Protein backbone atom coordinates (compact mmCIF):
# COMPACT_ATOMS: atom_id res chain seq x y z
CA MET A 1 145.92 136.70 102.00
CA ALA A 2 147.23 137.33 98.52
CA ASN A 3 146.54 133.94 96.93
CA TRP A 4 143.42 132.60 98.60
CA TYR A 5 141.69 129.74 96.79
CA GLY A 6 138.26 128.75 97.94
CA ALA A 7 135.08 126.92 97.14
CA ALA A 8 131.50 127.42 98.28
CA ARG A 9 128.53 125.07 98.13
CA THR A 10 124.96 124.99 99.39
CA ASN A 11 122.67 122.17 100.32
CA TYR A 12 119.46 121.59 98.34
CA PHE A 13 116.44 123.63 99.46
CA SER A 14 112.98 124.72 98.28
CA VAL A 15 111.38 128.13 98.18
CA THR A 16 107.80 129.40 98.24
CA ASP A 17 108.33 132.04 95.51
CA GLU A 18 110.30 130.90 92.46
CA ALA A 19 110.21 134.30 90.73
CA ARG A 20 111.62 136.06 93.80
CA TYR A 21 114.29 133.37 94.20
CA ASN A 22 115.37 133.84 90.57
CA VAL A 23 115.81 137.58 91.18
CA LEU A 24 117.88 136.83 94.29
CA PHE A 25 119.95 134.17 92.52
CA ASN A 26 120.70 136.54 89.64
CA GLY A 27 122.34 138.90 92.16
CA LEU A 28 124.96 136.27 93.10
CA TYR A 29 128.44 136.75 91.69
CA CYS A 30 131.77 134.93 91.67
CA GLU A 31 134.66 135.71 89.32
CA GLY A 32 134.55 132.18 87.87
CA GLY A 33 130.75 132.11 87.86
CA VAL A 34 128.15 130.62 90.18
CA SER A 35 127.02 127.10 89.24
CA ASP A 36 123.29 126.44 89.55
CA PHE A 37 122.49 122.91 90.76
CA THR A 38 118.69 123.28 90.61
CA LYS A 39 116.92 119.98 90.00
CA LYS A 40 113.41 118.61 89.98
CA GLU A 41 112.61 115.68 92.24
CA ASN A 42 109.11 114.21 92.72
CA ASP A 43 107.47 117.32 91.20
CA LYS A 44 109.40 119.52 93.63
CA ILE A 45 112.04 122.07 92.62
CA LEU A 46 115.20 121.84 94.70
CA HIS A 47 117.72 124.67 94.45
CA GLY A 48 121.42 124.55 95.17
CA PHE A 49 124.49 126.40 93.95
CA GLY A 50 128.24 126.58 94.32
CA ALA A 51 131.38 128.31 93.09
CA TYR A 52 135.16 128.20 93.11
CA GLY A 53 135.84 131.32 95.17
CA ASP A 54 133.82 133.65 97.37
CA ILE A 55 130.21 134.12 96.38
CA GLU A 56 129.19 137.74 96.58
CA TYR A 57 125.72 139.24 96.37
CA TYR A 58 124.81 142.48 94.64
CA PRO A 59 121.13 143.01 95.38
CA ASP A 60 118.69 143.21 92.51
CA VAL A 61 115.82 143.41 94.97
CA ASP A 62 115.18 145.37 98.14
CA SER A 63 113.60 144.02 101.32
CA ASN A 64 110.11 144.80 99.96
CA GLY A 65 110.70 142.79 96.80
CA PHE A 66 111.21 145.75 94.47
CA VAL A 67 113.87 145.45 91.78
CA ARG A 68 116.62 148.05 92.11
CA GLY A 69 118.50 149.66 89.25
CA SER A 70 122.24 149.07 88.82
CA ASP A 71 122.92 152.71 89.74
CA GLU A 72 121.64 151.91 93.25
CA TYR A 73 124.19 149.15 93.94
CA GLU A 74 126.47 149.79 96.83
CA ASP A 75 130.19 149.28 96.30
CA CYS A 76 130.25 146.05 98.30
CA SER A 77 128.78 142.60 98.27
CA ASN A 78 126.35 141.53 100.94
CA ILE A 79 125.78 137.78 101.10
CA ASN A 80 124.09 138.35 104.47
CA MET A 81 121.37 140.35 102.67
CA PHE A 82 120.89 137.38 100.32
CA ALA A 83 120.51 135.06 103.34
CA ARG A 84 118.00 137.42 105.01
CA GLU A 85 115.91 137.72 101.87
CA LEU A 86 116.04 133.96 101.27
CA ALA A 87 114.75 133.35 104.82
CA LYS A 88 111.55 135.15 103.79
CA ILE A 89 110.82 132.67 100.97
CA LEU A 90 112.39 129.46 102.29
CA CYS A 91 109.82 126.65 102.45
CA PRO A 92 108.75 125.54 105.93
CA GLU A 93 110.88 122.72 107.32
CA ASN A 94 113.72 123.64 104.95
CA THR A 95 117.17 124.82 105.89
CA PHE A 96 119.62 126.75 103.75
CA ILE A 97 123.31 126.06 104.40
CA LEU A 98 126.15 127.80 102.57
CA GLU A 99 129.61 126.43 103.38
CA THR A 100 132.77 128.22 102.30
CA VAL A 101 136.24 126.69 102.59
CA GLY A 102 139.57 127.90 101.30
CA ASN A 103 143.27 128.21 101.77
CA GLU A 104 146.35 130.27 101.12
CA LYS A 105 148.91 127.51 100.70
CA LEU A 106 148.90 125.74 104.06
CA ARG A 107 149.42 128.96 105.96
CA TYR A 108 145.77 129.91 106.35
CA LEU A 109 142.85 127.51 106.10
CA THR A 110 139.39 128.98 106.43
CA ALA A 111 135.99 127.39 106.80
CA CYS A 112 132.70 129.02 107.66
CA PHE A 113 129.04 128.50 107.11
CA VAL A 114 125.75 130.34 107.28
CA LEU A 115 122.63 128.52 108.41
CA VAL A 116 119.20 129.93 107.54
CA PHE A 117 115.83 128.77 108.84
CA PRO A 118 112.55 130.09 107.38
CA GLY A 119 111.70 133.55 108.71
CA GLU A 120 114.76 133.79 111.00
CA GLU A 121 118.00 135.76 111.03
CA PRO A 122 121.00 133.98 109.43
CA ILE A 123 123.41 132.24 111.80
CA TRP A 124 127.09 132.63 110.85
CA ARG A 125 129.87 130.39 112.22
CA ASP A 126 133.61 130.42 111.60
CA MET A 127 134.95 126.88 112.04
CA ASN A 128 138.42 128.02 113.22
CA ALA A 129 136.90 130.30 115.86
CA LEU A 130 134.49 127.57 116.95
CA ALA A 131 137.27 124.97 117.31
CA THR A 132 139.52 127.43 119.16
CA SER A 133 136.74 128.45 121.53
CA MET A 134 135.81 124.83 122.30
CA SER A 135 139.46 123.89 122.94
CA LYS A 136 140.03 126.86 125.24
CA ARG A 137 136.82 126.11 127.13
CA ARG A 138 138.03 122.56 127.75
CA PHE A 139 141.75 123.21 128.31
CA LYS A 140 142.07 126.85 129.40
CA ASN A 141 145.87 127.12 129.05
CA PHE A 142 146.36 125.18 125.81
CA PRO A 143 147.57 127.56 123.06
CA VAL A 144 145.53 126.96 119.93
CA GLU A 145 147.35 128.18 116.82
CA LEU A 146 145.86 127.37 113.44
CA GLU A 147 147.69 129.96 111.32
CA TYR A 148 151.25 131.21 111.02
């Protein structure tokens, strides 16, 4: 997809360790920038963010909470690592949801999300695959074609 245009947005969520969250957040990258929607409500800090494009993650912190130097970055982004690390500091009874939608003209439309519960592995879902699977389960011989 040569000219893919997308947007990503999270829900609002709280964390148990603000300093660790700030380190994680600072590892997020998008060419046009990542917008921080953090707000304070009833003496509670609620985080949220979004971007026009894919949000990538270049870890500033390892799984033990130690800051890594820039020479240790791998040559790839790993938003799944961000989600795993966030699960460790997500407040109880909070959920983190990151939705990403985009298109290349009307030829390819994409939509996916990651769902994170405190202390659990991230759950990834592709909306096209989910819709196709559900349709085929219901009507086995119906050809589902969402792209051309």
